Amino acid sequence: MSDWARELEVARTAALEAGAVLRDARFDPGTPGVKPDGSPVTEADRAANAAILAHLSAAFPHDVILSEESADDPTRLTCPRVWLVDPLDGTRDFLEGSPEFAVHVALVAGGTPVVAVVLEPAGGRLVEAIAARGAWLEGDGPRRKLAVSRRRVPERMRLGVSRFGRNEALNRLLDETPLGKHAVPRGASTKMLDVAAGLLDATLCLHGRESEWDSCAPGLIIAEAGGRVTDVDQRPLRYNQPVVTHPRGVVTSNGRMHEALCRLAAQFWALHE
């Protein structure tokens, strides 16, 4: 059985090169284009994507890559190993000059994440995980193992919420429940890394537009830090699926209040269906 060490090393190298591309372009991103789904895309997205794909393809020529910025290759559905890549998670944050954007590189084997690297180029935080071997942080002092918080009181839960991905269901939940009192806006996957590091207790995505490349790498990191990642129905997320979005949202937490949080999220989800 593979210990995934080589895969992790290649993923880290690829993420660091993409991060250098993004740092160079951060304060001069140029005029963004618009993708068919209405989201922005920059030349930095494409350049970071090319850097990652070059590394992965050279090291693992028989693997398939599913990336936000590349055409979908349908052969991935029959491939036992698929890389999930988001070369610039948080393009809107990047364009606004916020430091809360990230590079995601993850390997999925049999529908399950086994290797993950998330790099925040602006702050230098690099987090990585291997299934069943924990999650580790670099770039913020000595290398250390991550662990989720131990908070158990729902009314005091520190909830990370998107700066751009809110909808009516989430807004109503924040307005009508005690969770809104301690909600913390965060860009891109910063909020998920903060759950893994114990700085936040949970995140909620109450729409069906979140894609596999958004959740895969940070999701494995949260799980390896001791937390939980499911949809609002408490079902584990699956990867390398024919439809690459999560149709029932994404809930992450420290695991100590996960069932209650999912039940609450499902109630508000139903309000906009």
C-alpha atoms as a PDB file:
ATOM      1  CA  MET A   1       0.000   0.000   0.000  1.00  0.00           C
ATOM      2  CA  SER A   2       1.286   3.471  -0.866  1.00  0.00           C
ATOM      3  CA  ASP A   3       2.275   5.786   1.939  1.00  0.00           C
ATOM      4  CA  TRP A   4       1.493   8.701  -0.447  1.00  0.00           C
ATOM      5  CA  ALA A   5       4.770  10.448   0.432  1.00  0.00           C
ATOM      6  CA  ARG A   6       5.821  11.030  -3.173  1.00  0.00           C
ATOM      7  CA  GLU A   7       2.355  12.251  -4.107  1.00  0.00           C
ATOM      8  CA  LEU A   8       2.419  14.722  -1.224  1.00  0.00           C
ATOM      9  CA  GLU A   9       5.854  16.018  -2.188  1.00  0.00           C
ATOM     10  CA  VAL A  10       4.804  16.607  -5.806  1.00  0.00           C
ATOM     11  CA  ALA A  11       1.557  18.263  -4.721  1.00  0.00           C
ATOM     12  CA  ARG A  12       3.456  20.565  -2.384  1.00  0.00           C
ATOM     13  CA  THR A  13       5.970  21.533  -5.070  1.00  0.00           C
ATOM     14  CA  ALA A  14       3.179  22.208  -7.545  1.00  0.00           C
ATOM     15  CA  ALA A  15       1.245  24.331  -5.058  1.00  0.00           C
ATOM     16  CA  LEU A  16       4.311  26.363  -4.135  1.00  0.00           C
ATOM     17  CA  GLU A  17       5.084  27.124  -7.778  1.00  0.00           C
ATOM     18  CA  ALA A  18       1.487  28.150  -8.403  1.00  0.00           C
ATOM     19  CA  GLY A  19       1.632  30.297  -5.262  1.00  0.00           C
ATOM     20  CA  ALA A  20       4.678  32.122  -6.600  1.00  0.00           C
ATOM     21  CA  VAL A  21       2.760  32.854  -9.809  1.00  0.00           C
ATOM     22  CA  LEU A  22      -0.139  34.281  -7.821  1.00  0.00           C
ATOM     23  CA  ARG A  23       2.072  36.407  -5.574  1.00  0.00           C
ATOM     24  CA  ASP A  24       3.738  37.946  -8.602  1.00  0.00           C
ATOM     25  CA  ALA A  25       0.348  38.824 -10.108  1.00  0.00           C
ATOM     26  CA  ARG A  26      -1.436  39.768  -6.902  1.00  0.00           C
ATOM     27  CA  PHE A  27      -1.279  43.541  -7.212  1.00  0.00           C
ATOM     28  CA  ASP A  28      -1.502  43.630 -11.005  1.00  0.00           C
ATOM     29  CA  PRO A  29      -4.071  40.959 -11.921  1.00  0.00           C
ATOM     30  CA  GLY A  30      -5.144  42.581 -15.178  1.00  0.00           C
ATOM     31  CA  THR A  31      -8.680  42.706 -16.492  1.00  0.00           C
ATOM     32  CA  PRO A  32     -10.585  39.578 -15.516  1.00  0.00           C
ATOM     33  CA  GLY A  33     -12.672  37.537 -17.901  1.00  0.00           C
ATOM     34  CA  VAL A  34     -15.996  35.929 -17.095  1.00  0.00           C
ATOM     35  CA  LYS A  35     -16.630  32.197 -17.247  1.00  0.00           C
ATOM     36  CA  PRO A  36     -19.955  30.702 -18.419  1.00  0.00           C
ATOM     37  CA  ASP A  37     -21.166  30.419 -14.812  1.00  0.00           C
ATOM     38  CA  GLY A  38     -20.618  34.152 -14.293  1.00  0.00           C
ATOM     39  CA  SER A  39     -17.551  33.805 -12.070  1.00  0.00           C
ATOM     40  CA  PRO A  40     -14.382  35.775 -12.821  1.00  0.00           C
ATOM     41  CA  VAL A  41     -11.174  34.300 -14.189  1.00  0.00           C
ATOM     42  CA  THR A  42      -7.757  35.917 -14.555  1.00  0.00           C
ATOM     43  CA  GLU A  43      -4.558  35.162 -16.399  1.00  0.00           C
ATOM     44  CA  ALA A  44      -3.130  34.316 -12.974  1.00  0.00           C
ATOM     45  CA  ASP A  45      -5.702  31.512 -12.601  1.00  0.00           C
ATOM     46  CA  ARG A  46      -4.586  30.070 -15.928  1.00  0.00           C
ATOM     47  CA  ALA A  47      -0.865  30.466 -15.290  1.00  0.00           C
ATOM     48  CA  ALA A  48      -1.108  28.857 -11.849  1.00  0.00           C
ATOM     49  CA  ASN A  49      -3.157  26.050 -13.358  1.00  0.00           C
ATOM     50  CA  ALA A  50      -0.537  25.404 -16.033  1.00  0.00           C
ATOM     51  CA  ALA A  51       2.213  25.235 -13.413  1.00  0.00           C
ATOM     52  CA  ILE A  52       0.328  22.671 -11.334  1.00  0.00           C
ATOM     53  CA  LEU A  53      -0.694  20.523 -14.276  1.00  0.00           C
ATOM     54  CA  ALA A  54       2.870  20.426 -15.587  1.00  0.00           C
ATOM     55  CA  HIS A  55       4.161  19.030 -12.294  1.00  0.00           C
ATOM     56  CA  LEU A  56       1.386  16.478 -11.836  1.00  0.00           C
ATOM     57  CA  SER A  57       1.453  15.254 -15.433  1.00  0.00           C
ATOM     58  CA  ALA A  58       5.217  14.829 -15.428  1.00  0.00           C
ATOM     59  CA  ALA A  59       5.267  12.914 -12.147  1.00  0.00           C
ATOM     60  CA  PHE A  60       2.119  10.823 -12.639  1.00  0.00           C
ATOM     61  CA  PRO A  61       1.401  10.508 -16.359  1.00  0.00           C
ATOM     62  CA  HIS A  62      -1.253   7.823 -15.879  1.00  0.00           C
ATOM     63  CA  ASP A  63      -3.374   9.872 -13.486  1.00  0.00           C
ATOM     64  CA  VAL A  64      -6.201  12.139 -14.633  1.00  0.00           C
ATOM     65  CA  ILE A  65      -6.535  15.747 -13.479  1.00  0.00           C
ATOM     66  CA  LEU A  66      -9.828  17.501 -12.775  1.00  0.00           C
ATOM     67  CA  SER A  67      -9.191  21.234 -12.483  1.00  0.00           C
ATOM     68  CA  GLU A  68     -11.473  24.229 -12.314  1.00  0.00           C
ATOM     69  CA  GLU A  69      -9.542  25.872 -15.112  1.00  0.00           C
ATOM     70  CA  SER A  70      -9.285  22.928 -17.523  1.00  0.00           C
ATOM     71  CA  ALA A  71     -11.748  21.058 -19.690  1.00  0.00           C
ATOM     72  CA  ASP A  72     -13.269  18.030 -17.969  1.00  0.00           C
ATOM     73  CA  ASP A  73     -11.735  14.749 -19.142  1.00  0.00           C
ATOM     74  CA  PRO A  74     -14.495  12.089 -18.958  1.00  0.00           C
ATOM     75  CA  THR A  75     -11.923   9.300 -18.662  1.00  0.00           C
ATOM     76  CA  ARG A  76     -11.506  10.375 -15.051  1.00  0.00           C
ATOM     77  CA  LEU A  77     -14.677   8.461 -14.168  1.00  0.00           C
ATOM     78  CA  THR A  78     -12.917   5.163 -14.850  1.00  0.00           C
ATOM     79  CA  CYS A  79      -9.529   6.187 -13.468  1.00  0.00           C
ATOM     80  CA  PRO A  80      -8.600   4.909  -9.982  1.00  0.00           C
ATOM     81  CA  ARG A  81      -6.534   8.043  -9.217  1.00  0.00           C
ATOM     82  CA  VAL A  82      -7.691  11.566  -9.991  1.00  0.00           C
ATOM     83  CA  TRP A  83      -6.127  14.866  -8.956  1.00  0.00           C
ATOM     84  CA  LEU A  84      -8.490  17.694  -7.996  1.00  0.00           C
ATOM     85  CA  VAL A  85      -7.033  21.133  -8.531  1.00  0.00           C
ATOM     86  CA  ASP A  86      -8.190  24.669  -7.841  1.00  0.00           C
ATOM     87  CA  PRO A  87      -5.262  26.870  -8.875  1.00  0.00           C
ATOM     88  CA  LEU A  88      -6.853  29.999  -7.392  1.00  0.00           C
ATOM     89  CA  ASP A  89      -9.587  29.432  -4.851  1.00  0.00           C
ATOM     90  CA  GLY A  90     -11.018  32.846  -4.138  1.00  0.00           C
ATOM     91  CA  THR A  91     -10.573  34.734  -7.392  1.00  0.00           C
ATOM     92  CA  ARG A  92     -12.926  37.478  -6.196  1.00  0.00           C
ATOM     93  CA  ASP A  93     -10.842  37.915  -3.044  1.00  0.00           C
ATOM     94  CA  PHE A  94      -7.695  37.956  -5.167  1.00  0.00           C
ATOM     95  CA  LEU A  95      -9.121  40.680  -7.382  1.00  0.00           C
ATOM     96  CA  GLU A  96     -10.100  42.765  -4.355  1.00  0.00           C
ATOM     97  CA  GLY A  97      -6.588  42.626  -2.961  1.00  0.00           C
ATOM     98  CA  SER A  98      -7.571  40.411  -0.029  1.00  0.00           C
ATOM     99  CA  PRO A  99      -4.946  37.931   1.203  1.00  0.00           C
ATOM    100  CA  GLU A 100      -7.662  35.268   1.628  1.00  0.00           C
ATOM    101  CA  PHE A 101      -7.120  33.185  -1.491  1.00  0.00           C
ATOM    102  CA  ALA A 102      -5.519  29.774  -1.860  1.00  0.00           C
ATOM    103  CA  VAL A 103      -4.137  27.021  -4.056  1.00  0.00           C
ATOM    104  CA  HIS A 104      -5.717  23.560  -3.714  1.00  0.00           C
ATOM    105  CA  VAL A 105      -4.111  20.307  -4.847  1.00  0.00           C
ATOM    106  CA  ALA A 106      -5.610  16.963  -3.785  1.00  0.00           C
ATOM    107  CA  LEU A 107      -5.430  13.345  -4.860  1.00  0.00           C
ATOM    108  CA  VAL A 108      -8.564  11.198  -4.835  1.00  0.00           C
ATOM    109  CA  ALA A 109      -8.354   7.389  -4.890  1.00  0.00           C
ATOM    110  CA  GLY A 110     -11.578   5.449  -5.282  1.00  0.00           C
ATOM    111  CA  GLY A 111     -13.703   8.536  -4.662  1.00  0.00           C
ATOM    112  CA  THR A 112     -11.954   9.402  -1.382  1.00  0.00           C
ATOM    113  CA  PRO A 113      -9.306  12.095  -0.780  1.00  0.00           C
ATOM    114  CA  VAL A 114      -5.948  10.656   0.272  1.00  0.00           C
ATOM    115  CA  VAL A 115      -3.535  13.591  -0.173  1.00  0.00           C
ATOM    116  CA  ALA A 116      -4.197  17.308   0.231  1.00  0.00           C
ATOM    117  CA  VAL A 117      -2.205  20.520   0.058  1.00  0.00           C
ATOM    118  CA  VAL A 118      -3.646  23.991   0.557  1.00  0.00           C
ATOM    119  CA  LEU A 119      -1.374  27.019   0.244  1.00  0.00           C
ATOM    120  CA  GLU A 120      -2.299  30.607   1.074  1.00  0.00           C
ATOM    121  CA  PRO A 121       0.337  32.459  -0.955  1.00  0.00           C
ATOM    122  CA  ALA A 122      -0.180  35.911   0.569  1.00  0.00           C
ATOM    123  CA  GLY A 123       0.430  34.813   4.147  1.00  0.00           C
ATOM    124  CA  GLY A 124       2.597  31.783   3.460  1.00  0.00           C
ATOM    125  CA  ARG A 125       0.367  29.337   5.337  1.00  0.00           C
ATOM    126  CA  LEU A 126       0.764  25.855   3.883  1.00  0.00           C
ATOM    127  CA  VAL A 127      -1.345  23.017   5.232  1.00  0.00           C
ATOM    128  CA  GLU A 128      -1.096  19.411   4.124  1.00  0.00           C
ATOM    129  CA  ALA A 129      -2.636  16.070   5.005  1.00  0.00           C
ATOM    130  CA  ILE A 130      -2.414  12.392   4.181  1.00  0.00           C
ATOM    131  CA  ALA A 131      -5.347  10.131   4.967  1.00  0.00           C
ATOM    132  CA  ALA A 132      -4.983   8.497   8.399  1.00  0.00           C
ATOM    133  CA  ARG A 133      -1.760  10.428   9.092  1.00  0.00           C
ATOM    134  CA  GLY A 134      -2.983  13.799  10.320  1.00  0.00           C
ATOM    135  CA  ALA A 135      -2.870  17.390   9.080  1.00  0.00           C
ATOM    136  CA  TRP A 136       0.155  19.633   9.423  1.00  0.00           C
ATOM    137  CA  LEU A 137       0.771  23.372   9.227  1.00  0.00           C
ATOM    138  CA  GLU A 138       3.890  25.121   7.949  1.00  0.00           C
ATOM    139  CA  GLY A 139       4.685  28.786   7.512  1.00  0.00           C
ATOM    140  CA  ASP A 140       3.368  30.006  10.857  1.00  0.00           C
ATOM    141  CA  GLY A 141       6.205  29.163  13.207  1.00  0.00           C
ATOM    142  CA  PRO A 142       7.486  25.599  13.650  1.00  0.00           C
ATOM    143  CA  ARG A 143       5.763  22.830  11.728  1.00  0.00           C
ATOM    144  CA  ARG A 144       2.906  21.558  13.885  1.00  0.00           C
ATOM    145  CA  LYS A 145       0.068  19.091  13.797  1.00  0.00           C
ATOM    146  CA  LEU A 146      -3.388  20.618  13.557  1.00  0.00           C
ATOM    147  CA  ALA A 147      -6.344  19.841  15.791  1.00  0.00           C
ATOM    148  CA  VAL A 148      -9.889  21.160  15.698  1.00  0.00           C
ATOM    149  CA  SER A 149     -11.421  23.060  18.602  1.00  0.00           C
ATOM    150  CA  ARG A 150     -13.209  21.373  21.502  1.00  0.00           C
ATOM    151  CA  ARG A 151     -16.123  23.806  21.729  1.00  0.00           C
ATOM    152  CA  ARG A 152     -19.446  22.067  22.322  1.00  0.00           C
ATOM    153  CA  VAL A 153     -21.950  24.876  22.967  1.00  0.00           C
ATOM    154  CA  PRO A 154     -23.862  25.674  19.741  1.00  0.00           C
ATOM    155  CA  GLU A 155     -24.760  29.200  20.871  1.00  0.00           C
ATOM    156  CA  ARG A 156     -21.070  30.070  21.168  1.00  0.00           C
ATOM    157  CA  MET A 157     -19.969  28.407  17.943  1.00  0.00           C
ATOM    158  CA  ARG A 158     -17.561  30.487  15.859  1.00  0.00           C
ATOM    159  CA  LEU A 159     -18.984  30.010  12.377  1.00  0.00           C
ATOM    160  CA  GLY A 160     -16.975  30.823   9.268  1.00  0.00           C
ATOM    161  CA  VAL A 161     -19.102  32.105   6.397  1.00  0.00           C
ATOM    162  CA  SER A 162     -18.228  33.105   2.859  1.00  0.00           C
ATOM    163  CA  ARG A 163     -17.758  36.729   1.932  1.00  0.00           C
ATOM    164  CA  PHE A 164     -19.272  36.106  -1.509  1.00  0.00           C
ATOM    165  CA  GLY A 165     -21.187  32.807  -1.440  1.00  0.00           C
ATOM    166  CA  ARG A 166     -24.117  33.658   0.818  1.00  0.00           C
ATOM    167  CA  ASN A 167     -27.697  33.074  -0.211  1.00  0.00           C
ATOM    168  CA  GLU A 168     -31.122  33.560   1.323  1.00  0.00           C
ATOM    169  CA  ALA A 169     -30.968  30.325   3.319  1.00  0.00           C
ATOM    170  CA  LEU A 170     -27.664  31.217   4.988  1.00  0.00           C
ATOM    171  CA  ASN A 171     -28.645  34.836   5.562  1.00  0.00           C
ATOM    172  CA  ARG A 172     -31.859  33.793   7.287  1.00  0.00           C
ATOM    173  CA  LEU A 173     -30.040  31.261   9.443  1.00  0.00           C
ATOM    174  CA  LEU A 174     -27.600  33.936  10.574  1.00  0.00           C
ATOM    175  CA  ASP A 175     -30.419  36.418  11.220  1.00  0.00           C
ATOM    176  CA  GLU A 176     -32.769  34.034  13.027  1.00  0.00           C
ATOM    177  CA  THR A 177     -30.447  31.881  15.142  1.00  0.00           C
ATOM    178  CA  PRO A 178     -27.701  32.565  17.705  1.00  0.00           C
ATOM    179  CA  LEU A 179     -25.111  31.451  15.140  1.00  0.00           C
ATOM    180  CA  GLY A 180     -25.182  34.874  13.539  1.00  0.00           C
ATOM    181  CA  LYS A 181     -23.752  36.484  16.673  1.00  0.00           C
ATOM    182  CA  HIS A 182     -20.397  34.759  16.256  1.00  0.00           C
ATOM    183  CA  ALA A 183     -20.277  34.463  12.454  1.00  0.00           C
ATOM    184  CA  VAL A 184     -16.919  35.394  10.928  1.00  0.00           C
ATOM    185  CA  PRO A 185     -16.680  36.339   7.225  1.00  0.00           C
ATOM    186  CA  ARG A 186     -13.734  34.634   5.530  1.00  0.00           C
ATOM    187  CA  GLY A 187     -12.641  34.433   1.920  1.00  0.00           C
ATOM    188  CA  ALA A 188     -12.169  31.232  -0.062  1.00  0.00           C
ATOM    189  CA  SER A 189     -10.955  28.205   1.925  1.00  0.00           C
ATOM    190  CA  THR A 190      -9.397  30.321   4.678  1.00  0.00           C
ATOM    191  CA  LYS A 191     -12.417  29.555   6.854  1.00  0.00           C
ATOM    192  CA  MET A 192     -11.970  25.799   6.374  1.00  0.00           C
ATOM    193  CA  LEU A 193      -8.289  25.948   7.283  1.00  0.00           C
ATOM    194  CA  ASP A 194      -9.281  27.944  10.372  1.00  0.00           C
ATOM    195  CA  VAL A 195     -11.620  25.107  11.393  1.00  0.00           C
ATOM    196  CA  ALA A 196      -8.761  22.627  11.051  1.00  0.00           C
ATOM    197  CA  ALA A 197      -6.537  24.906  13.143  1.00  0.00           C
ATOM    198  CA  GLY A 198      -9.154  25.345  15.885  1.00  0.00           C
ATOM    199  CA  LEU A 199      -9.591  29.074  15.170  1.00  0.00           C
ATOM    200  CA  LEU A 200     -13.174  28.525  14.021  1.00  0.00           C
ATOM    201  CA  ASP A 201     -15.619  25.783  14.980  1.00  0.00           C
ATOM    202  CA  ALA A 202     -17.630  25.251  11.782  1.00  0.00           C
ATOM    203  CA  THR A 203     -18.485  26.468   8.289  1.00  0.00           C
ATOM    204  CA  LEU A 204     -21.733  26.359   6.330  1.00  0.00           C
ATOM    205  CA  CYS A 205     -22.306  26.374   2.569  1.00  0.00           C
ATOM    206  CA  LEU A 206     -26.062  26.357   1.963  1.00  0.00           C
ATOM    207  CA  HIS A 207     -26.200  26.195  -1.815  1.00  0.00           C
ATOM    208  CA  GLY A 208     -25.502  23.515  -4.370  1.00  0.00           C
ATOM    209  CA  ARG A 209     -22.793  25.332  -6.327  1.00  0.00           C
ATOM    210  CA  GLU A 210     -19.743  24.345  -4.300  1.00  0.00           C
ATOM    211  CA  SER A 211     -17.488  22.227  -6.507  1.00  0.00           C
ATOM    212  CA  GLU A 212     -15.329  19.238  -5.684  1.00  0.00           C
ATOM    213  CA  TRP A 213     -12.118  21.221  -6.179  1.00  0.00           C
ATOM    214  CA  ASP A 214     -13.372  23.781  -3.613  1.00  0.00           C
ATOM    215  CA  SER A 215     -13.901  21.255  -0.816  1.00  0.00           C
ATOM    216  CA  CYS A 216     -11.605  18.297  -1.489  1.00  0.00           C
ATOM    217  CA  ALA A 217      -8.215  19.438  -0.212  1.00  0.00           C
ATOM    218  CA  PRO A 218      -9.440  21.509   2.770  1.00  0.00           C
ATOM    219  CA  GLY A 219     -12.024  18.840   3.580  1.00  0.00           C
ATOM    220  CA  LEU A 220      -9.372  16.146   4.017  1.00  0.00           C
ATOM    221  CA  ILE A 221      -7.348  18.552   6.146  1.00  0.00           C
ATOM    222  CA  ILE A 222     -10.325  19.149   8.468  1.00  0.00           C
ATOM    223  CA  ALA A 223     -11.025  15.429   8.730  1.00  0.00           C
ATOM    224  CA  GLU A 224      -7.394  14.671   9.538  1.00  0.00           C
ATOM    225  CA  ALA A 225      -7.428  17.414  12.189  1.00  0.00           C
ATOM    226  CA  GLY A 226     -10.287  15.575  13.901  1.00  0.00           C
ATOM    227  CA  GLY A 227     -13.311  17.329  12.394  1.00  0.00           C
ATOM    228  CA  ARG A 228     -16.174  16.275  10.148  1.00  0.00           C
ATOM    229  CA  VAL A 229     -17.156  17.198   6.590  1.00  0.00           C
ATOM    230  CA  THR A 230     -20.573  16.248   5.167  1.00  0.00           C
ATOM    231  CA  ASP A 231     -23.523  17.666   3.289  1.00  0.00           C
ATOM    232  CA  VAL A 232     -26.546  19.009   5.165  1.00  0.00           C
ATOM    233  CA  ASP A 233     -27.978  15.461   5.272  1.00  0.00           C
ATOM    234  CA  GLN A 234     -24.883  14.273   7.179  1.00  0.00           C
ATOM    235  CA  ARG A 235     -23.654  12.235   4.220  1.00  0.00           C
ATOM    236  CA  PRO A 236     -19.899  12.155   3.547  1.00  0.00           C
ATOM    237  CA  LEU A 237     -18.845  14.007   0.424  1.00  0.00           C
ATOM    238  CA  ARG A 238     -17.812  11.847  -2.533  1.00  0.00           C
ATOM    239  CA  TYR A 239     -15.334  12.899  -5.189  1.00  0.00           C
ATOM    240  CA  ASN A 240     -14.678  12.285  -8.877  1.00  0.00           C
ATOM    241  CA  GLN A 241     -18.423  12.161  -9.483  1.00  0.00           C
ATOM    242  CA  PRO A 242     -20.155  12.750 -12.854  1.00  0.00           C
ATOM    243  CA  VAL A 243     -21.595  16.025 -11.492  1.00  0.00           C
ATOM    244  CA  VAL A 244     -18.787  17.893  -9.793  1.00  0.00           C
ATOM    245  CA  THR A 245     -20.886  20.104  -7.511  1.00  0.00           C
ATOM    246  CA  HIS A 246     -22.212  19.169  -4.067  1.00  0.00           C
ATOM    247  CA  PRO A 247     -25.996  19.365  -4.551  1.00  0.00           C
ATOM    248  CA  ARG A 248     -26.778  19.378  -0.819  1.00  0.00           C
ATOM    249  CA  GLY A 249     -24.199  21.887   0.317  1.00  0.00           C
ATOM    250  CA  VAL A 250     -21.190  21.462   2.580  1.00  0.00           C
ATOM    251  CA  VAL A 251     -21.017  21.491   6.383  1.00  0.00           C
ATOM    252  CA  THR A 252     -17.693  21.328   8.219  1.00  0.00           C
ATOM    253  CA  SER A 253     -17.189  21.350  11.966  1.00  0.00           C
ATOM    254  CA  ASN A 254     -15.065  20.242  14.880  1.00  0.00           C
ATOM    255  CA  GLY A 255     -17.405  17.239  15.050  1.00  0.00           C
ATOM    256  CA  ARG A 256     -18.738  17.967  18.513  1.00  0.00           C
ATOM    257  CA  MET A 257     -21.932  19.653  17.307  1.00  0.00           C
ATOM    258  CA  HIS A 258     -22.077  18.346  13.779  1.00  0.00           C
ATOM    259  CA  GLU A 259     -25.411  16.528  13.842  1.00  0.00           C
ATOM    260  CA  ALA A 260     -27.219  19.482  15.413  1.00  0.00           C
ATOM    261  CA  LEU A 261     -25.615  21.895  12.960  1.00  0.00           C
ATOM    262  CA  CYS A 262     -26.637  19.743   9.997  1.00  0.00           C
ATOM    263  CA  ARG A 263     -30.222  19.464  11.224  1.00  0.00           C
ATOM    264  CA  LEU A 264     -30.408  23.231  11.584  1.00  0.00           C
ATOM    265  CA  ALA A 265     -28.817  23.777   8.165  1.00  0.00           C
ATOM    266  CA  ALA A 266     -31.301  21.366   6.561  1.00  0.00           C
ATOM    267  CA  GLN A 267     -34.221  23.321   8.008  1.00  0.00           C
ATOM    268  CA  PHE A 268     -33.063  26.577   6.478  1.00  0.00           C
ATOM    269  CA  TRP A 269     -32.026  24.876   3.235  1.00  0.00           C
ATOM    270  CA  ALA A 270     -35.640  23.743   2.834  1.00  0.00           C
ATOM    271  CA  LEU A 271     -36.823  27.365   2.982  1.00  0.00           C
ATOM    272  CA  HIS A 272     -35.340  28.175  -0.431  1.00  0.00           C
ATOM    273  CA  GLU A 273     -36.125  24.914  -2.242  1.00  0.00           C
END
